């Protein structure tokens, strides 16, 4: 009888060349930013190529000693950041900007921080 159990992979992420030990989750969203082309005779006729980009949200535990990295300065100053994500034998190496973020604190919940980024689209590369 064949087994249906599989092994799944972890991911690892670094922010400005610093591996994030407190990272809990990384969400990537890809967008082609293509624009629909409509004509009077044909209606939807196709798409015009757009500038592809990715958005990323990195969720991290927030220890009592403070944030693991400083997303505030690059966000406010508009400084570019480098982001590297490893998964299942592949790496995504890109750069972009911190667009914002959130922090959460409360009773009976872990404090957390989310860094939101707008990133240059790059393909995953086998390692």
PDB file of N, CA and C in Angstrom:
ATOM      1  N   UNK A   1       0.840  -1.171   0.000  1.00  0.00           N
ATOM      2  CA  UNK A   1       0.000   0.000   0.000  1.00  0.00           C
ATOM      3  C   UNK A   1       0.892   1.243   0.000  1.00  0.00           C
ATOM      4  N   UNK A   2       0.629   2.160  -0.878  1.00  0.00           N
ATOM      5  CA  UNK A   2       1.416   3.394  -0.978  1.00  0.00           C
ATOM      6  C   UNK A   2       1.038   4.338   0.159  1.00  0.00           C
ATOM      7  N   UNK A   3       2.031   5.059   0.623  1.00  0.00           N
ATOM      8  CA  UNK A   3       1.777   6.021   1.681  1.00  0.00           C
ATOM      9  C   UNK A   3       1.336   7.353   1.092  1.00  0.00           C
ATOM     10  N   UNK A   4       0.509   8.076   1.810  1.00  0.00           N
ATOM     11  CA  UNK A   4       0.079   9.392   1.348  1.00  0.00           C
ATOM     12  C   UNK A   4       0.753  10.510   2.153  1.00  0.00           C
ATOM     13  N   UNK A   5       1.632  10.113   3.063  1.00  0.00           N
ATOM     14  CA  UNK A   5       2.339  11.101   3.876  1.00  0.00           C
ATOM     15  C   UNK A   5       3.510  11.659   3.075  1.00  0.00           C
ATOM     16  N   UNK A   6       3.698  12.956   3.147  1.00  0.00           N
ATOM     17  CA  UNK A   6       4.783  13.615   2.437  1.00  0.00           C
ATOM     18  C   UNK A   6       5.614  14.438   3.405  1.00  0.00           C
ATOM     19  N   UNK A   7       6.822  14.754   2.988  1.00  0.00           N
ATOM     20  CA  UNK A   7       7.665  15.677   3.741  1.00  0.00           C
ATOM     21  C   UNK A   7       7.530  17.048   3.105  1.00  0.00           C
ATOM     22  N   UNK A   8       7.306  18.056   3.917  1.00  0.00           N
ATOM     23  CA  UNK A   8       7.145  19.422   3.423  1.00  0.00           C
ATOM     24  C   UNK A   8       8.348  20.245   3.835  1.00  0.00           C
ATOM     25  N   UNK A   9       8.541  21.353   3.161  1.00  0.00           N
ATOM     26  CA  UNK A   9       9.742  22.145   3.346  1.00  0.00           C
ATOM     27  C   UNK A   9       9.523  23.361   4.233  1.00  0.00           C
ATOM     28  N   UNK A  10      10.598  23.786   4.855  1.00  0.00           N
ATOM     29  CA  UNK A  10      10.623  25.057   5.577  1.00  0.00           C
ATOM     30  C   UNK A  10      11.033  26.144   4.601  1.00  0.00           C
ATOM     31  N   UNK A  11      10.990  27.351   5.067  1.00  0.00           N
ATOM     32  CA  UNK A  11      11.538  28.480   4.317  1.00  0.00           C
ATOM     33  C   UNK A  11      12.424  29.255   5.277  1.00  0.00           C
ATOM     34  N   UNK A  12      13.332  30.005   4.732  1.00  0.00           N
ATOM     35  CA  UNK A  12      14.191  30.878   5.524  1.00  0.00           C
ATOM     36  C   UNK A  12      14.228  32.211   4.815  1.00  0.00           C
ATOM     37  N   UNK A  13      14.331  33.282   5.570  1.00  0.00           N
ATOM     38  CA  UNK A  13      14.312  34.611   4.969  1.00  0.00           C
ATOM     39  C   UNK A  13      15.388  35.490   5.608  1.00  0.00           C
ATOM     40  N   UNK A  14      16.004  36.331   4.784  1.00  0.00           N
ATOM     41  CA  UNK A  14      16.934  37.321   5.320  1.00  0.00           C
ATOM     42  C   UNK A  14      16.505  38.708   4.848  1.00  0.00           C
ATOM     43  N   UNK A  15      16.781  39.684   5.680  1.00  0.00           N
ATOM     44  CA  UNK A  15      16.411  41.085   5.448  1.00  0.00           C
ATOM     45  C   UNK A  15      17.677  41.901   5.583  1.00  0.00           C
ATOM     46  N   UNK A  16      18.097  42.549   4.501  1.00  0.00           N
ATOM     47  CA  UNK A  16      19.353  43.315   4.499  1.00  0.00           C
ATOM     48  C   UNK A  16      20.522  42.491   5.033  1.00  0.00           C
ATOM     49  N   UNK A  17      20.674  41.297   4.482  1.00  0.00           N
ATOM     50  CA  UNK A  17      21.788  40.388   4.791  1.00  0.00           C
ATOM     51  C   UNK A  17      21.773  39.840   6.214  1.00  0.00           C
ATOM     52  N   UNK A  18      20.635  39.921   6.893  1.00  0.00           N
ATOM     53  CA  UNK A  18      20.526  39.353   8.238  1.00  0.00           C
ATOM     54  C   UNK A  18      19.441  38.276   8.241  1.00  0.00           C
ATOM     55  N   UNK A  19      19.835  37.047   8.558  1.00  0.00           N
ATOM     56  CA  UNK A  19      18.877  35.953   8.630  1.00  0.00           C
ATOM     57  C   UNK A  19      17.913  36.216   9.782  1.00  0.00           C
ATOM     58  N   UNK A  20      16.626  36.030   9.540  1.00  0.00           N
ATOM     59  CA  UNK A  20      15.608  36.335  10.547  1.00  0.00           C
ATOM     60  C   UNK A  20      15.255  35.089  11.355  1.00  0.00           C
ATOM     61  N   UNK A  21      15.816  34.989  12.545  1.00  0.00           N
ATOM     62  CA  UNK A  21      15.555  33.843  13.424  1.00  0.00           C
ATOM     63  C   UNK A  21      14.126  33.858  13.951  1.00  0.00           C
ATOM     64  N   UNK A  22      13.510  35.032  14.047  1.00  0.00           N
ATOM     65  CA  UNK A  22      12.163  35.158  14.612  1.00  0.00           C
ATOM     66  C   UNK A  22      11.060  35.113  13.555  1.00  0.00           C
ATOM     67  N   UNK A  23      11.414  34.910  12.283  1.00  0.00           N
ATOM     68  CA  UNK A  23      10.391  34.867  11.224  1.00  0.00           C
ATOM     69  C   UNK A  23       9.435  33.704  11.462  1.00  0.00           C
ATOM     70  N   UNK A  24       8.155  33.980  11.348  1.00  0.00           N
ATOM     71  CA  UNK A  24       7.127  32.962  11.520  1.00  0.00           C
ATOM     72  C   UNK A  24       6.450  32.600  10.208  1.00  0.00           C
ATOM     73  N   UNK A  25       6.376  33.576   9.301  1.00  0.00           N
ATOM     74  CA  UNK A  25       5.626  33.365   8.071  1.00  0.00           C
ATOM     75  C   UNK A  25       6.078  34.386   7.026  1.00  0.00           C
ATOM     76  N   UNK A  26       6.130  33.955   5.767  1.00  0.00           N
ATOM     77  CA  UNK A  26       6.443  34.844   4.659  1.00  0.00           C
ATOM     78  C   UNK A  26       5.363  34.655   3.601  1.00  0.00           C
ATOM     79  N   UNK A  27       4.673  35.729   3.259  1.00  0.00           N
ATOM     80  CA  UNK A  27       3.649  35.687   2.210  1.00  0.00           C
ATOM     81  C   UNK A  27       4.140  36.481   1.012  1.00  0.00           C
ATOM     82  N   UNK A  28       4.168  35.858  -0.166  1.00  0.00           N
ATOM     83  CA  UNK A  28       4.552  36.526  -1.411  1.00  0.00           C
ATOM     84  C   UNK A  28       3.349  36.616  -2.331  1.00  0.00           C
ATOM     85  N   UNK A  29       3.163  37.757  -2.942  1.00  0.00           N
ATOM     86  CA  UNK A  29       2.119  37.945  -3.939  1.00  0.00           C
ATOM     87  C   UNK A  29       2.781  38.429  -5.215  1.00  0.00           C
ATOM     88  N   UNK A  30       2.493  37.759  -6.325  1.00  0.00           N
ATOM     89  CA  UNK A  30       3.047  38.128  -7.619  1.00  0.00           C
ATOM     90  C   UNK A  30       1.984  38.850  -8.423  1.00  0.00           C
ATOM     91  N   UNK A  31       2.396  39.854  -9.196  1.00  0.00           N
ATOM     92  CA  UNK A  31       1.460  40.561 -10.061  1.00  0.00           C
ATOM     93  C   UNK A  31       2.149  40.908 -11.376  1.00  0.00           C
ATOM     94  N   UNK A  32       1.475  40.613 -12.480  1.00  0.00           N
ATOM     95  CA  UNK A  32       2.014  40.979 -13.788  1.00  0.00           C
ATOM     96  C   UNK A  32       1.780  42.458 -14.073  1.00  0.00           C
ATOM     97  N   UNK A  33       0.804  43.041 -13.401  1.00  0.00           N
ATOM     98  CA  UNK A  33       0.381  44.426 -13.641  1.00  0.00           C
ATOM     99  C   UNK A  33       0.005  44.658 -15.100  1.00  0.00           C
ATOM    100  N   UNK A  34      -0.385  43.587 -15.796  1.00  0.00           N
ATOM    101  CA  UNK A  34      -0.850  43.726 -17.172  1.00  0.00           C
ATOM    102  C   UNK A  34      -2.152  44.520 -17.194  1.00  0.00           C
ATOM    103  N   UNK A  35      -2.360  45.240 -18.281  1.00  0.00           N
ATOM    104  CA  UNK A  35      -3.552  46.065 -18.421  1.00  0.00           C
ATOM    105  C   UNK A  35      -4.451  45.436 -19.482  1.00  0.00           C
ATOM    106  N   UNK A  36      -5.709  45.198 -19.132  1.00  0.00           N
ATOM    107  CA  UNK A  36      -6.658  44.667 -20.104  1.00  0.00           C
ATOM    108  C   UNK A  36      -6.877  45.678 -21.226  1.00  0.00           C
ATOM    109  N   UNK A  37      -6.936  45.173 -22.451  1.00  0.00           N
ATOM    110  CA  UNK A  37      -7.207  46.014 -23.615  1.00  0.00           C
ATOM    111  C   UNK A  37      -8.624  45.719 -24.083  1.00  0.00           C
ATOM    112  N   UNK A  38      -9.418  46.746 -24.178  1.00  0.00           N
ATOM    113  CA  UNK A  38     -10.806  46.633 -24.629  1.00  0.00           C
ATOM    114  C   UNK A  38     -10.957  47.450 -25.922  1.00  0.00           C
ATOM    115  N   UNK A  39     -11.658  46.891 -26.872  1.00  0.00           N
ATOM    116  CA  UNK A  39     -11.967  47.656 -28.074  1.00  0.00           C
ATOM    117  C   UNK A  39     -13.479  47.677 -28.264  1.00  0.00           C
ATOM    118  N   UNK A  40     -13.944  48.651 -29.036  1.00  0.00           N
ATOM    119  CA  UNK A  40     -15.389  48.776 -29.232  1.00  0.00           C
ATOM    120  C   UNK A  40     -15.948  47.578 -29.997  1.00  0.00           C
ATOM    121  N   UNK A  41     -15.217  47.048 -30.964  1.00  0.00           N
ATOM    122  CA  UNK A  41     -15.736  45.942 -31.772  1.00  0.00           C
ATOM    123  C   UNK A  41     -15.556  44.586 -31.116  1.00  0.00           C
ATOM    124  N   UNK A  42     -14.407  44.369 -30.493  1.00  0.00           N
ATOM    125  CA  UNK A  42     -14.105  43.035 -29.963  1.00  0.00           C
ATOM    126  C   UNK A  42     -14.357  42.898 -28.464  1.00  0.00           C
ATOM    127  N   UNK A  43     -14.564  43.992 -27.771  1.00  0.00           N
ATOM    128  CA  UNK A  43     -14.665  43.918 -26.317  1.00  0.00           C
ATOM    129  C   UNK A  43     -13.289  43.643 -25.740  1.00  0.00           C
ATOM    130  N   UNK A  44     -13.197  42.645 -24.868  1.00  0.00           N
ATOM    131  CA  UNK A  44     -11.879  42.283 -24.325  1.00  0.00           C
ATOM    132  C   UNK A  44     -11.038  41.700 -25.453  1.00  0.00           C
ATOM    133  N   UNK A  45      -9.877  42.341 -25.707  1.00  0.00           N
ATOM    134  CA  UNK A  45      -9.048  41.944 -26.846  1.00  0.00           C
ATOM    135  C   UNK A  45      -7.725  41.331 -26.448  1.00  0.00           C
ATOM    136  N   UNK A  46      -7.371  41.432 -25.204  1.00  0.00           N
ATOM    137  CA  UNK A  46      -6.091  40.901 -24.743  1.00  0.00           C
ATOM    138  C   UNK A  46      -5.535  41.757 -23.626  1.00  0.00           C
ATOM    139  N   UNK A  47      -4.210  41.722 -23.510  1.00  0.00           N
ATOM    140  CA  UNK A  47      -3.563  42.491 -22.448  1.00  0.00           C
ATOM    141  C   UNK A  47      -2.319  43.178 -22.983  1.00  0.00           C
ATOM    142  N   UNK A  48      -2.016  44.291 -22.369  1.00  0.00           N
ATOM    143  CA  UNK A  48      -0.768  44.997 -22.616  1.00  0.00           C
ATOM    144  C   UNK A  48       0.150  44.679 -21.444  1.00  0.00           C
ATOM    145  N   UNK A  49       1.383  44.275 -21.765  1.00  0.00           N
ATOM    146  CA  UNK A  49       2.319  43.853 -20.723  1.00  0.00           C
ATOM    147  C   UNK A  49       2.545  44.975 -19.711  1.00  0.00           C
ATOM    148  N   UNK A  50       2.568  44.602 -18.444  1.00  0.00           N
ATOM    149  CA  UNK A  50       2.818  45.565 -17.373  1.00  0.00           C
ATOM    150  C   UNK A  50       4.172  45.326 -16.734  1.00  0.00           C
ATOM    151  N   UNK A  51       4.478  46.127 -15.750  1.00  0.00           N
ATOM    152  CA  UNK A  51       5.727  45.982 -14.992  1.00  0.00           C
ATOM    153  C   UNK A  51       5.467  45.024 -13.833  1.00  0.00           C
ATOM    154  N   UNK A  52       5.951  43.792 -13.969  1.00  0.00           N
ATOM    155  CA  UNK A  52       5.723  42.775 -12.943  1.00  0.00           C
ATOM    156  C   UNK A  52       6.369  43.192 -11.630  1.00  0.00           C
ATOM    157  N   UNK A  53       5.728  42.848 -10.527  1.00  0.00           N
ATOM    158  CA  UNK A  53       6.307  43.102  -9.208  1.00  0.00           C
ATOM    159  C   UNK A  53       5.767  42.092  -8.218  1.00  0.00           C
ATOM    160  N   UNK A  54       6.382  42.076  -7.059  1.00  0.00           N
ATOM    161  CA  UNK A  54       5.944  41.214  -5.977  1.00  0.00           C
ATOM    162  C   UNK A  54       5.709  42.081  -4.747  1.00  0.00           C
ATOM    163  N   UNK A  55       4.790  41.647  -3.929  1.00  0.00           N
ATOM    164  CA  UNK A  55       4.667  42.207  -2.594  1.00  0.00           C
ATOM    165  C   UNK A  55       4.951  41.078  -1.620  1.00  0.00           C
ATOM    166  N   UNK A  56       5.449  41.437  -0.465  1.00  0.00           N
ATOM    167  CA  UNK A  56       5.856  40.444   0.518  1.00  0.00           C
ATOM    168  C   UNK A  56       5.466  40.938   1.897  1.00  0.00           C
ATOM    169  N   UNK A  57       4.976  40.043   2.725  1.00  0.00           N
ATOM    170  CA  UNK A  57       4.707  40.335   4.130  1.00  0.00           C
ATOM    171  C   UNK A  57       5.476  39.312   4.961  1.00  0.00           C
ATOM    172  N   UNK A  58       6.367  39.812   5.808  1.00  0.00           N
ATOM    173  CA  UNK A  58       7.149  38.951   6.690  1.00  0.00           C
ATOM    174  C   UNK A  58       6.595  39.129   8.097  1.00  0.00           C
ATOM    175  N   UNK A  59       6.076  38.049   8.665  1.00  0.00           N
ATOM    176  CA  UNK A  59       5.552  38.077  10.032  1.00  0.00           C
ATOM    177  C   UNK A  59       6.607  37.483  10.957  1.00  0.00           C
ATOM    178  N   UNK A  60       6.916  38.222  12.039  1.00  0.00           N
ATOM    179  CA  UNK A  60       7.950  37.781  12.979  1.00  0.00           C
ATOM    180  C   UNK A  60       7.453  37.899  14.406  1.00  0.00           C
ATOM    181  N   UNK A  61       7.945  37.005  15.244  1.00  0.00           N
ATOM    182  CA  UNK A  61       7.721  37.148  16.678  1.00  0.00           C
ATOM    183  C   UNK A  61       8.511  38.367  17.139  1.00  0.00           C
ATOM    184  N   UNK A  62       7.984  39.078  18.109  1.00  0.00           N
ATOM    185  CA  UNK A  62       8.634  40.295  18.611  1.00  0.00           C
ATOM    186  C   UNK A  62       9.083  40.047  20.048  1.00  0.00           C
ATOM    187  N   UNK A  63      10.371  39.717  20.255  1.00  0.00           N
ATOM    188  CA  UNK A  63      10.844  39.412  21.599  1.00  0.00           C
ATOM    189  C   UNK A  63      10.858  40.648  22.504  1.00  0.00           C
ATOM    190  N   UNK A  64      10.907  40.397  23.804  1.00  0.00           N
ATOM    191  CA  UNK A  64      10.939  41.493  24.778  1.00  0.00           C
ATOM    192  C   UNK A  64      12.160  42.382  24.595  1.00  0.00           C
ATOM    193  N   UNK A  65      13.228  41.839  24.022  1.00  0.00           N
ATOM    194  CA  UNK A  65      14.447  42.624  23.806  1.00  0.00           C
ATOM    195  C   UNK A  65      14.320  43.606  22.649  1.00  0.00           C
ATOM    196  N   UNK A  66      13.234  43.494  21.873  1.00  0.00           N
ATOM    197  CA  UNK A  66      13.003  44.427  20.778  1.00  0.00           C
ATOM    198  C   UNK A  66      13.038  43.748  19.425  1.00  0.00           C
ATOM    199  N   UNK A  67      12.732  44.508  18.370  1.00  0.00           N
ATOM    200  CA  UNK A  67      12.686  43.935  17.028  1.00  0.00           C
ATOM    201  C   UNK A  67      14.041  43.384  16.588  1.00  0.00           C
ATOM    202  N   UNK A  68      13.985  42.324  15.803  1.00  0.00           N
ATOM    203  CA  UNK A  68      15.198  41.697  15.293  1.00  0.00           C
ATOM    204  C   UNK A  68      15.891  42.578  14.254  1.00  0.00           C
ATOM    205  N   UNK A  69      15.112  43.272  13.443  1.00  0.00           N
ATOM    206  CA  UNK A  69      15.651  44.181  12.432  1.00  0.00           C
ATOM    207  C   UNK A  69      14.901  45.510  12.508  1.00  0.00           C
ATOM    208  N   UNK A  70      15.469  46.532  11.905  1.00  0.00           N
ATOM    209  CA  UNK A  70      14.851  47.861  11.892  1.00  0.00           C
ATOM    210  C   UNK A  70      14.181  48.105  10.542  1.00  0.00           C
ATOM    211  N   UNK A  71      12.857  47.909  10.440  1.00  0.00           N
ATOM    212  CA  UNK A  71      12.187  48.217   9.189  1.00  0.00           C
ATOM    213  C   UNK A  71      11.742  49.682   9.117  1.00  0.00           C
ATOM    214  N   UNK A  72      11.795  50.381  10.248  1.00  0.00           N
ATOM    215  CA  UNK A  72      11.254  51.732  10.331  1.00  0.00           C
ATOM    216  C   UNK A  72      12.091  52.734   9.538  1.00  0.00           C
ATOM    217  N   UNK A  73      13.408  52.694   9.704  1.00  0.00           N
ATOM    218  CA  UNK A  73      14.278  53.639   9.004  1.00  0.00           C
ATOM    219  C   UNK A  73      14.165  53.495   7.497  1.00  0.00           C
ATOM    220  N   UNK A  74      14.298  52.261   6.928  1.00  0.00           N
ATOM    221  CA  UNK A  74      14.148  52.170   5.477  1.00  0.00           C
ATOM    222  C   UNK A  74      12.756  52.572   4.990  1.00  0.00           C
ATOM    223  N   UNK A  75      11.742  52.351   5.811  1.00  0.00           N
ATOM    224  CA  UNK A  75      10.379  52.728   5.431  1.00  0.00           C
ATOM    225  C   UNK A  75      10.250  54.245   5.343  1.00  0.00           C
ATOM    226  N   UNK A  76      10.653  54.946   6.383  1.00  0.00           N
ATOM    227  CA  UNK A  76      10.497  56.399   6.448  1.00  0.00           C
ATOM    228  C   UNK A  76      11.462  57.108   5.501  1.00  0.00           C
ATOM    229  N   UNK A  77      12.682  56.590   5.389  1.00  0.00           N
ATOM    230  CA  UNK A  77      13.716  57.239   4.567  1.00  0.00           C
ATOM    231  C   UNK A  77      13.660  56.813   3.098  1.00  0.00           C
ATOM    232  N   UNK A  78      12.849  55.805   2.776  1.00  0.00           N
ATOM    233  CA  UNK A  78      12.773  55.336   1.396  1.00  0.00           C
ATOM    234  C   UNK A  78      14.035  54.634   0.930  1.00  0.00           C
ATOM    235  N   UNK A  79      14.717  53.974   1.867  1.00  0.00           N
ATOM    236  CA  UNK A  79      15.958  53.272   1.534  1.00  0.00           C
ATOM    237  C   UNK A  79      15.640  51.887   0.976  1.00  0.00           C
ATOM    238  N   UNK A  80      16.327  51.463  -0.094  1.00  0.00           N
ATOM    239  CA  UNK A  80      16.103  50.114  -0.616  1.00  0.00           C
ATOM    240  C   UNK A  80      16.606  49.061   0.359  1.00  0.00           C
ATOM    241  N   UNK A  81      15.950  47.910   0.350  1.00  0.00           N
ATOM    242  CA  UNK A  81      16.337  46.782   1.196  1.00  0.00           C
ATOM    243  C   UNK A  81      16.522  45.550   0.319  1.00  0.00           C
ATOM    244  N   UNK A  82      17.328  44.624   0.824  1.00  0.00           N
ATOM    245  CA  UNK A  82      17.583  43.365   0.130  1.00  0.00           C
ATOM    246  C   UNK A  82      16.836  42.261   0.867  1.00  0.00           C
ATOM    247  N   UNK A  83      16.136  41.409   0.121  1.00  0.00           N
ATOM    248  CA  UNK A  83      15.393  40.301   0.709  1.00  0.00           C
ATOM    249  C   UNK A  83      15.784  39.022  -0.018  1.00  0.00           C
ATOM    250  N   UNK A  84      16.127  37.993   0.755  1.00  0.00           N
ATOM    251  CA  UNK A  84      16.465  36.683   0.202  1.00  0.00           C
ATOM    252  C   UNK A  84      15.586  35.652   0.895  1.00  0.00           C
ATOM    253  N   UNK A  85      14.906  34.830   0.106  1.00  0.00           N
ATOM    254  CA  UNK A  85      14.036  33.791   0.657  1.00  0.00           C
ATOM    255  C   UNK A  85      14.489  32.446   0.089  1.00  0.00           C
ATOM    256  N   UNK A  86      14.659  31.467   0.972  1.00  0.00           N
ATOM    257  CA  UNK A  86      15.037  30.114   0.587  1.00  0.00           C
ATOM    258  C   UNK A  86      13.840  29.201   0.798  1.00  0.00           C
ATOM    259  N   UNK A  87      13.612  28.306  -0.172  1.00  0.00           N
ATOM    260  CA  UNK A  87      12.560  27.298  -0.025  1.00  0.00           C
ATOM    261  C   UNK A  87      12.882  26.111  -0.921  1.00  0.00           C
ATOM    262  N   UNK A  88      12.687  24.921  -0.462  1.00  0.00           N
ATOM    263  CA  UNK A  88      12.730  23.688  -1.255  1.00  0.00           C
ATOM    264  C   UNK A  88      13.793  23.678  -2.348  1.00  0.00           C
ATOM    265  N   UNK A  89      15.029  23.960  -1.994  1.00  0.00           N
ATOM    266  CA  UNK A  89      16.117  23.900  -2.959  1.00  0.00           C
ATOM    267  C   UNK A  89      16.156  25.051  -3.948  1.00  0.00           C
ATOM    268  N   UNK A  90      15.453  26.142  -3.645  1.00  0.00           N
ATOM    269  CA  UNK A  90      15.442  27.316  -4.507  1.00  0.00           C
ATOM    270  C   UNK A  90      15.668  28.573  -3.675  1.00  0.00           C
ATOM    271  N   UNK A  91      16.134  29.624  -4.335  1.00  0.00           N
ATOM    272  CA  UNK A  91      16.355  30.894  -3.656  1.00  0.00           C
ATOM    273  C   UNK A  91      15.758  32.021  -4.491  1.00  0.00           C
ATOM    274  N   UNK A  92      15.168  32.983  -3.810  1.00  0.00           N
ATOM    275  CA  UNK A  92      14.664  34.200  -4.420  1.00  0.00           C
ATOM    276  C   UNK A  92      15.488  35.344  -3.847  1.00  0.00           C
ATOM    277  N   UNK A  93      16.231  36.015  -4.697  1.00  0.00           N
ATOM    278  CA  UNK A  93      17.132  37.091  -4.276  1.00  0.00           C
ATOM    279  C   UNK A  93      16.647  38.362  -4.947  1.00  0.00           C
ATOM    280  N   UNK A  94      16.116  39.306  -4.175  1.00  0.00           N
ATOM    281  CA  UNK A  94      15.520  40.493  -4.762  1.00  0.00           C
ATOM    282  C   UNK A  94      15.729  41.706  -3.859  1.00  0.00           C
ATOM    283  N   UNK A  95      15.267  42.843  -4.332  1.00  0.00           N
ATOM    284  CA  UNK A  95      15.351  44.058  -3.528  1.00  0.00           C
ATOM    285  C   UNK A  95      14.085  44.879  -3.761  1.00  0.00           C
ATOM    286  N   UNK A  96      13.886  45.827  -2.869  1.00  0.00           N
ATOM    287  CA  UNK A  96      12.699  46.665  -2.970  1.00  0.00           C
ATOM    288  C   UNK A  96      12.654  47.651  -1.823  1.00  0.00           C
ATOM    289  N   UNK A  97      11.437  47.985  -1.415  1.00  0.00           N
ATOM    290  CA  UNK A  97      11.234  49.005  -0.391  1.00  0.00           C
ATOM    291  C   UNK A  97      10.228  48.529   0.655  1.00  0.00           C
ATOM    292  N   UNK A  98      10.424  48.968   1.882  1.00  0.00           N
ATOM    293  CA  UNK A  98       9.462  48.705   2.951  1.00  0.00           C
ATOM    294  C   UNK A  98       8.308  49.684   2.752  1.00  0.00           C
ATOM    295  N   UNK A  99       7.108  49.157   2.529  1.00  0.00           N
ATOM    296  CA  UNK A  99       5.951  50.022   2.302  1.00  0.00           C
ATOM    297  C   UNK A  99       5.188  50.323   3.577  1.00  0.00           C
ATOM    298  N   UNK A 100       5.464  49.583   4.647  1.00  0.00           N
ATOM    299  CA  UNK A 100       4.772  49.790   5.913  1.00  0.00           C
ATOM    300  C   UNK A 100       4.856  48.533   6.748  1.00  0.00           C
ATOM    301  N   UNK A 101       4.058  48.496   7.777  1.00  0.00           N
ATOM    302  CA  UNK A 101       4.052  47.327   8.639  1.00  0.00           C
ATOM    303  C   UNK A 101       3.147  47.537   9.825  1.00  0.00           C
ATOM    304  N   UNK A 102       3.085  46.513  10.667  1.00  0.00           N
ATOM    305  CA  UNK A 102       2.263  46.582  11.875  1.00  0.00           C
ATOM    306  C   UNK A 102       2.990  45.884  13.014  1.00  0.00           C
ATOM    307  N   UNK A 103       2.609  46.236  14.216  1.00  0.00           N
ATOM    308  CA  UNK A 103       3.038  45.522  15.420  1.00  0.00           C
ATOM    309  C   UNK A 103       1.799  45.201  16.217  1.00  0.00           C
ATOM    310  N   UNK A 104       1.835  44.074  16.913  1.00  0.00           N
ATOM    311  CA  UNK A 104       0.714  43.692  17.751  1.00  0.00           C
ATOM    312  C   UNK A 104       1.198  43.255  19.119  1.00  0.00           C
ATOM    313  N   UNK A 105       0.538  43.742  20.153  1.00  0.00           N
ATOM    314  CA  UNK A 105       0.866  43.405  21.543  1.00  0.00           C
ATOM    315  C   UNK A 105      -0.443  43.184  22.289  1.00  0.00           C
ATOM    316  N   UNK A 106      -0.442  42.300  23.267  1.00  0.00           N
ATOM    317  CA  UNK A 106      -1.653  42.093  24.037  1.00  0.00           C
ATOM    318  C   UNK A 106      -1.468  41.036  25.100  1.00  0.00           C
ATOM    319  N   UNK A 107      -2.527  40.806  25.856  1.00  0.00           N
ATOM    320  CA  UNK A 107      -2.524  39.786  26.893  1.00  0.00           C
ATOM    321  C   UNK A 107      -2.804  38.427  26.267  1.00  0.00           C
ATOM    322  N   UNK A 108      -2.081  37.423  26.727  1.00  0.00           N
ATOM    323  CA  UNK A 108      -2.285  36.041  26.286  1.00  0.00           C
ATOM    324  C   UNK A 108      -2.083  35.833  24.792  1.00  0.00           C
ATOM    325  N   UNK A 109      -1.312  36.714  24.145  1.00  0.00           N
ATOM    326  CA  UNK A 109      -0.950  36.535  22.735  1.00  0.00           C
ATOM    327  C   UNK A 109       0.520  36.892  22.570  1.00  0.00           C
ATOM    328  N   UNK A 110       1.155  36.259  21.615  1.00  0.00           N
ATOM    329  CA  UNK A 110       2.550  36.588  21.332  1.00  0.00           C
ATOM    330  C   UNK A 110       2.624  37.932  20.618  1.00  0.00           C
ATOM    331  N   UNK A 111       3.544  38.773  21.035  1.00  0.00           N
ATOM    332  CA  UNK A 111       3.763  40.024  20.326  1.00  0.00           C
ATOM    333  C   UNK A 111       4.363  39.708  18.967  1.00  0.00           C
ATOM    334  N   UNK A 112       3.937  40.441  17.956  1.00  0.00           N
ATOM    335  CA  UNK A 112       4.425  40.166  16.610  1.00  0.00           C
ATOM    336  C   UNK A 112       4.605  41.455  15.817  1.00  0.00           C
ATOM    337  N   UNK A 113       5.344  41.324  14.742  1.00  0.00           N
ATOM    338  CA  UNK A 113       5.631  42.440  13.857  1.00  0.00           C
ATOM    339  C   UNK A 113       5.469  41.934  12.422  1.00  0.00           C
ATOM    340  N   UNK A 114       4.876  42.747  11.566  1.00  0.00           N
ATOM    341  CA  UNK A 114       4.754  42.422  10.151  1.00  0.00           C
ATOM    342  C   UNK A 114       5.430  43.526   9.354  1.00  0.00           C
ATOM    343  N   UNK A 115       6.326  43.128   8.446  1.00  0.00           N
ATOM    344  CA  UNK A 115       6.981  44.078   7.542  1.00  0.00           C
ATOM    345  C   UNK A 115       6.389  43.854   6.156  1.00  0.00           C
ATOM    346  N   UNK A 116       5.822  44.899   5.563  1.00  0.00           N
ATOM    347  CA  UNK A 116       5.270  44.833   4.211  1.00  0.00           C
ATOM    348  C   UNK A 116       6.261  45.452   3.231  1.00  0.00           C
ATOM    349  N   UNK A 117       6.501  44.758   2.123  1.00  0.00           N
ATOM    350  CA  UNK A 117       7.490  45.209   1.150  1.00  0.00           C
ATOM    351  C   UNK A 117       6.932  45.191  -0.264  1.00  0.00           C
ATOM    352  N   UNK A 118       7.406  46.122  -1.097  1.00  0.00           N
ATOM    353  CA  UNK A 118       7.201  46.093  -2.540  1.00  0.00           C
ATOM    354  C   UNK A 118       8.544  45.709  -3.141  1.00  0.00           C
ATOM    355  N   UNK A 119       8.564  44.618  -3.912  1.00  0.00           N
ATOM    356  CA  UNK A 119       9.829  44.058  -4.389  1.00  0.00           C
ATOM    357  C   UNK A 119       9.869  43.950  -5.905  1.00  0.00           C
ATOM    358  N   UNK A 120      11.088  44.005  -6.438  1.00  0.00           N
ATOM    359  CA  UNK A 120      11.317  43.766  -7.858  1.00  0.00           C
ATOM    360  C   UNK A 120      11.059  42.290  -8.132  1.00  0.00           C
ATOM    361  N   UNK A 121      10.314  41.999  -9.203  1.00  0.00           N
ATOM    362  CA  UNK A 121      10.059  40.602  -9.545  1.00  0.00           C
ATOM    363  C   UNK A 121      11.346  39.940 -10.007  1.00  0.00           C
ATOM    364  N   UNK A 122      11.651  38.803  -9.432  1.00  0.00           N
ATOM    365  CA  UNK A 122      12.778  37.969  -9.845  1.00  0.00           C
ATOM    366  C   UNK A 122      12.295  36.522  -9.831  1.00  0.00           C
ATOM    367  N   UNK A 123      12.819  35.687 -10.711  1.00  0.00           N
ATOM    368  CA  UNK A 123      12.425  34.264 -10.684  1.00  0.00           C
ATOM    369  C   UNK A 123      13.164  33.518  -9.571  1.00  0.00           C
ATOM    370  N   UNK A 124      12.588  32.417  -9.124  1.00  0.00           N
ATOM    371  CA  UNK A 124      13.252  31.520  -8.184  1.00  0.00           C
ATOM    372  C   UNK A 124      14.388  30.838  -8.928  1.00  0.00           C
ATOM    373  N   UNK A 125      15.518  30.619  -8.256  1.00  0.00           N
ATOM    374  CA  UNK A 125      16.683  29.992  -8.854  1.00  0.00           C
ATOM    375  C   UNK A 125      17.011  28.723  -8.063  1.00  0.00           C
ATOM    376  N   UNK A 126      17.240  27.618  -8.778  1.00  0.00           N
ATOM    377  CA  UNK A 126      17.628  26.357  -8.122  1.00  0.00           C
ATOM    378  C   UNK A 126      19.003  26.513  -7.489  1.00  0.00           C
ATOM    379  N   UNK A 127      19.153  25.951  -6.283  1.00  0.00           N
ATOM    380  CA  UNK A 127      20.485  25.992  -5.618  1.00  0.00           C
ATOM    381  C   UNK A 127      20.980  24.588  -5.377  1.00  0.00           C
TER     382      UNK A 127
END
